[in-house]
Amino acid sequence: MNTSHDKTVQHVAATRIYFDNDTLAIVLSDGRELLLHLGQINWLSWLYEATPEQRVDWSLEPDGFAVYWKALDDGIEIDHVLSLHPIDH
């Protein structure tokens, strides 16, 4: 009986994002697309309250592990979004 498990962890990264009104869409490297309704997620209130100009000024961190908004000096780690454990703000 083989009881060993493959402990290789596949890294899922953000490949791009876009906004549809107050919904943030995060496109992942494995093909999934996460939709975050900003007005319903209290730990993303800083992004919900941002202007359209501030929202479009984003960048992906190396290897797509996070999205960062320079003008807002804040960001979202993909692992936190996937695990539904928000970062304290």
N, C-alpha and C. Protein backbone atom coordinates (compact mmCIF):
# COMPACT_ATOMS: atom_id res chain seq x y z
N MET A 1 0.85 -1.17 0.00
CA MET A 1 0.00 0.00 0.00
C MET A 1 0.89 1.24 0.00
N ASN A 2 0.65 2.12 -0.92
CA ASN A 2 1.42 3.35 -1.01
C ASN A 2 0.65 4.45 -0.31
N THR A 3 1.21 4.98 0.76
CA THR A 3 0.52 6.02 1.53
C THR A 3 1.16 7.39 1.36
N SER A 4 2.17 7.49 0.51
CA SER A 4 2.80 8.79 0.33
C SER A 4 1.91 9.68 -0.52
N HIS A 5 1.95 10.93 -0.26
CA HIS A 5 1.15 11.92 -0.98
C HIS A 5 2.08 12.89 -1.67
N ASP A 6 1.68 13.34 -2.82
CA ASP A 6 2.44 14.36 -3.51
C ASP A 6 2.21 15.68 -2.79
N LYS A 7 3.27 16.22 -2.22
CA LYS A 7 3.14 17.45 -1.45
C LYS A 7 3.53 18.67 -2.27
N THR A 8 3.57 18.52 -3.58
CA THR A 8 3.87 19.64 -4.44
C THR A 8 2.69 20.60 -4.41
N VAL A 9 2.97 21.84 -4.14
CA VAL A 9 1.93 22.87 -4.10
C VAL A 9 2.02 23.68 -5.38
N GLN A 10 0.91 23.74 -6.08
CA GLN A 10 0.87 24.53 -7.30
C GLN A 10 0.59 25.97 -6.94
N HIS A 11 1.44 26.86 -7.41
CA HIS A 11 1.27 28.28 -7.15
C HIS A 11 0.25 28.85 -8.14
N VAL A 12 -0.79 29.43 -7.62
CA VAL A 12 -1.79 30.10 -8.46
C VAL A 12 -1.51 31.58 -8.39
N ALA A 13 -1.41 32.20 -9.54
CA ALA A 13 -1.04 33.61 -9.61
C ALA A 13 -2.12 34.40 -10.33
N ALA A 14 -2.13 35.68 -10.05
CA ALA A 14 -2.98 36.60 -10.81
C ALA A 14 -2.27 36.90 -12.13
N THR A 15 -3.03 36.88 -13.22
CA THR A 15 -2.45 37.22 -14.51
C THR A 15 -2.92 38.59 -14.99
N ARG A 16 -4.09 38.99 -14.53
CA ARG A 16 -4.61 40.33 -14.83
C ARG A 16 -5.82 40.58 -13.97
N ILE A 17 -6.23 41.83 -13.92
CA ILE A 17 -7.46 42.21 -13.21
C ILE A 17 -8.22 43.20 -14.08
N TYR A 18 -9.50 43.35 -13.74
CA TYR A 18 -10.29 44.41 -14.37
C TYR A 18 -11.47 44.71 -13.45
N PHE A 19 -12.06 45.86 -13.65
CA PHE A 19 -13.21 46.29 -12.87
C PHE A 19 -14.44 46.33 -13.76
N ASP A 20 -15.57 45.95 -13.19
CA ASP A 20 -16.88 46.12 -13.81
C ASP A 20 -17.72 46.83 -12.76
N ASN A 21 -17.77 48.14 -12.87
CA ASN A 21 -18.39 48.99 -11.85
C ASN A 21 -17.69 48.75 -10.52
N ASP A 22 -18.40 48.26 -9.51
CA ASP A 22 -17.80 48.04 -8.20
C ASP A 22 -17.45 46.57 -7.96
N THR A 23 -17.21 45.84 -9.03
CA THR A 23 -16.77 44.46 -8.93
C THR A 23 -15.35 44.36 -9.46
N LEU A 24 -14.48 43.78 -8.65
CA LEU A 24 -13.11 43.53 -9.06
C LEU A 24 -13.02 42.09 -9.55
N ALA A 25 -12.54 41.89 -10.75
CA ALA A 25 -12.32 40.55 -11.30
C ALA A 25 -10.82 40.29 -11.31
N ILE A 26 -10.44 39.15 -10.76
CA ILE A 26 -9.04 38.72 -10.76
C ILE A 26 -8.96 37.45 -11.59
N VAL A 27 -8.20 37.50 -12.66
CA VAL A 27 -8.01 36.35 -13.54
C VAL A 27 -6.77 35.60 -13.06
N LEU A 28 -6.93 34.30 -12.80
CA LEU A 28 -5.85 33.49 -12.24
C LEU A 28 -5.17 32.63 -13.31
N SER A 29 -3.96 32.25 -13.01
CA SER A 29 -3.15 31.46 -13.95
C SER A 29 -3.73 30.08 -14.23
N ASP A 30 -4.61 29.58 -13.37
CA ASP A 30 -5.22 28.27 -13.60
C ASP A 30 -6.54 28.37 -14.34
N GLY A 31 -6.88 29.58 -14.83
CA GLY A 31 -8.09 29.76 -15.62
C GLY A 31 -9.29 30.26 -14.85
N ARG A 32 -9.23 30.22 -13.52
CA ARG A 32 -10.36 30.73 -12.74
C ARG A 32 -10.40 32.25 -12.78
N GLU A 33 -11.59 32.78 -12.55
CA GLU A 33 -11.77 34.22 -12.44
C GLU A 33 -12.55 34.48 -11.16
N LEU A 34 -11.94 35.23 -10.27
CA LEU A 34 -12.58 35.57 -9.00
C LEU A 34 -13.28 36.91 -9.15
N LEU A 35 -14.53 36.99 -8.69
CA LEU A 35 -15.28 38.24 -8.71
C LEU A 35 -15.50 38.69 -7.28
N LEU A 36 -15.01 39.88 -6.96
CA LEU A 36 -15.14 40.44 -5.63
C LEU A 36 -16.03 41.67 -5.70
N HIS A 37 -17.18 41.60 -5.05
CA HIS A 37 -18.11 42.73 -5.02
C HIS A 37 -17.66 43.66 -3.89
N LEU A 38 -16.96 44.72 -4.27
CA LEU A 38 -16.26 45.56 -3.30
C LEU A 38 -17.15 46.16 -2.24
N GLY A 39 -18.38 46.50 -2.57
CA GLY A 39 -19.30 47.10 -1.60
C GLY A 39 -19.77 46.12 -0.54
N GLN A 40 -19.50 44.83 -0.75
CA GLN A 40 -19.96 43.80 0.19
C GLN A 40 -18.82 43.20 1.01
N ILE A 41 -17.60 43.68 0.79
CA ILE A 41 -16.43 43.13 1.49
C ILE A 41 -15.79 44.25 2.29
N ASN A 42 -16.03 44.25 3.59
CA ASN A 42 -15.59 45.39 4.40
C ASN A 42 -14.08 45.59 4.40
N TRP A 43 -13.28 44.53 4.26
CA TRP A 43 -11.83 44.70 4.27
C TRP A 43 -11.29 45.23 2.94
N LEU A 44 -12.18 45.45 1.97
CA LEU A 44 -11.79 46.10 0.72
C LEU A 44 -12.44 47.47 0.56
N SER A 45 -12.87 48.05 1.66
CA SER A 45 -13.52 49.37 1.60
C SER A 45 -12.60 50.43 1.00
N TRP A 46 -11.31 50.32 1.23
CA TRP A 46 -10.35 51.28 0.67
C TRP A 46 -10.38 51.25 -0.85
N LEU A 47 -10.63 50.10 -1.45
CA LEU A 47 -10.70 50.00 -2.90
C LEU A 47 -12.09 50.39 -3.42
N TYR A 48 -13.10 50.08 -2.64
CA TYR A 48 -14.47 50.48 -2.99
C TYR A 48 -14.59 52.00 -3.05
N GLU A 49 -13.92 52.69 -2.14
CA GLU A 49 -13.99 54.15 -2.06
C GLU A 49 -13.01 54.86 -3.00
N ALA A 50 -12.17 54.11 -3.67
CA ALA A 50 -11.17 54.71 -4.57
C ALA A 50 -11.85 55.28 -5.82
N THR A 51 -11.21 56.28 -6.40
CA THR A 51 -11.71 56.86 -7.65
C THR A 51 -11.38 55.91 -8.81
N PRO A 52 -12.07 56.07 -9.93
CA PRO A 52 -11.72 55.26 -11.11
C PRO A 52 -10.25 55.42 -11.52
N GLU A 53 -9.73 56.63 -11.39
CA GLU A 53 -8.33 56.89 -11.73
C GLU A 53 -7.38 56.12 -10.81
N GLN A 54 -7.71 56.05 -9.52
CA GLN A 54 -6.88 55.31 -8.58
C GLN A 54 -6.98 53.80 -8.85
N ARG A 55 -8.15 53.33 -9.19
CA ARG A 55 -8.35 51.90 -9.43
C ARG A 55 -7.57 51.38 -10.62
N VAL A 56 -7.43 52.18 -11.67
CA VAL A 56 -6.74 51.69 -12.87
C VAL A 56 -5.23 51.71 -12.73
N ASP A 57 -4.71 52.33 -11.69
CA ASP A 57 -3.26 52.42 -11.48
C ASP A 57 -2.78 51.25 -10.62
N TRP A 58 -2.87 50.03 -11.18
CA TRP A 58 -2.48 48.83 -10.44
C TRP A 58 -1.31 48.16 -11.14
N SER A 59 -0.65 47.29 -10.38
CA SER A 59 0.42 46.47 -10.95
C SER A 59 0.41 45.12 -10.27
N LEU A 60 0.89 44.12 -11.00
CA LEU A 60 1.03 42.79 -10.43
C LEU A 60 2.41 42.71 -9.78
N GLU A 61 2.45 42.16 -8.60
CA GLU A 61 3.73 41.92 -7.94
C GLU A 61 4.42 40.76 -8.66
N PRO A 62 5.74 40.62 -8.48
CA PRO A 62 6.46 39.52 -9.14
C PRO A 62 5.77 38.18 -8.90
N ASP A 63 5.71 37.37 -9.93
CA ASP A 63 5.09 36.05 -9.91
C ASP A 63 3.59 36.10 -9.67
N GLY A 64 2.97 37.27 -9.73
CA GLY A 64 1.52 37.40 -9.62
C GLY A 64 0.95 37.07 -8.26
N PHE A 65 1.77 37.15 -7.20
CA PHE A 65 1.27 36.78 -5.87
C PHE A 65 0.37 37.86 -5.27
N ALA A 66 0.39 39.06 -5.83
CA ALA A 66 -0.41 40.15 -5.28
C ALA A 66 -0.68 41.20 -6.35
N VAL A 67 -1.69 42.01 -6.09
CA VAL A 67 -2.00 43.18 -6.90
C VAL A 67 -1.80 44.38 -6.01
N TYR A 68 -1.12 45.40 -6.53
CA TYR A 68 -0.79 46.58 -5.74
C TYR A 68 -1.25 47.84 -6.46
N TRP A 69 -1.86 48.74 -5.68
CA TRP A 69 -2.29 50.05 -6.18
C TRP A 69 -1.39 51.11 -5.57
N LYS A 70 -0.47 51.64 -6.38
CA LYS A 70 0.52 52.61 -5.90
C LYS A 70 -0.15 53.86 -5.32
N ALA A 71 -1.12 54.41 -6.02
CA ALA A 71 -1.77 55.65 -5.57
C ALA A 71 -2.49 55.45 -4.24
N LEU A 72 -2.90 54.23 -3.94
CA LEU A 72 -3.61 53.93 -2.70
C LEU A 72 -2.69 53.35 -1.63
N ASP A 73 -1.45 53.05 -2.02
CA ASP A 73 -0.46 52.44 -1.12
C ASP A 73 -1.05 51.23 -0.41
N ASP A 74 -1.70 50.36 -1.19
CA ASP A 74 -2.31 49.16 -0.62
C ASP A 74 -2.43 48.10 -1.72
N GLY A 75 -2.70 46.89 -1.30
CA GLY A 75 -2.82 45.82 -2.26
C GLY A 75 -3.56 44.63 -1.70
N ILE A 76 -3.65 43.59 -2.54
CA ILE A 76 -4.36 42.37 -2.19
C ILE A 76 -3.45 41.20 -2.52
N GLU A 77 -3.21 40.33 -1.54
CA GLU A 77 -2.46 39.10 -1.80
C GLU A 77 -3.44 38.03 -2.29
N ILE A 78 -3.08 37.36 -3.35
CA ILE A 78 -3.96 36.37 -3.96
C ILE A 78 -4.27 35.23 -2.99
N ASP A 79 -3.28 34.77 -2.24
CA ASP A 79 -3.52 33.70 -1.26
C ASP A 79 -4.57 34.10 -0.23
N HIS A 80 -4.59 35.36 0.18
CA HIS A 80 -5.60 35.82 1.13
C HIS A 80 -6.99 35.79 0.52
N VAL A 81 -7.08 36.20 -0.72
CA VAL A 81 -8.38 36.17 -1.40
C VAL A 81 -8.86 34.73 -1.55
N LEU A 82 -7.95 33.84 -1.95
CA LEU A 82 -8.33 32.44 -2.15
C LEU A 82 -8.73 31.75 -0.86
N SER A 83 -8.08 32.11 0.23
CA SER A 83 -8.39 31.46 1.50
C SER A 83 -9.50 32.16 2.27
N LEU A 84 -9.95 33.30 1.75
CA LEU A 84 -10.99 34.11 2.38
C LEU A 84 -10.60 34.57 3.78
N HIS A 85 -9.30 34.80 3.97
CA HIS A 85 -8.80 35.37 5.22
C HIS A 85 -8.25 36.75 4.91
N PRO A 86 -9.01 37.79 5.17
CA PRO A 86 -8.58 39.15 4.83
C PRO A 86 -7.39 39.60 5.66
N ILE A 87 -6.66 40.53 5.08
CA ILE A 87 -5.57 41.19 5.79
C ILE A 87 -6.19 42.27 6.65
N ASP A 88 -5.70 42.46 7.85
CA ASP A 88 -6.20 43.55 8.70
C ASP A 88 -5.79 44.88 8.13
N HIS A 89 -6.73 45.81 8.04
CA HIS A 89 -6.45 47.18 7.59
C HIS A 89 -6.78 48.13 8.71
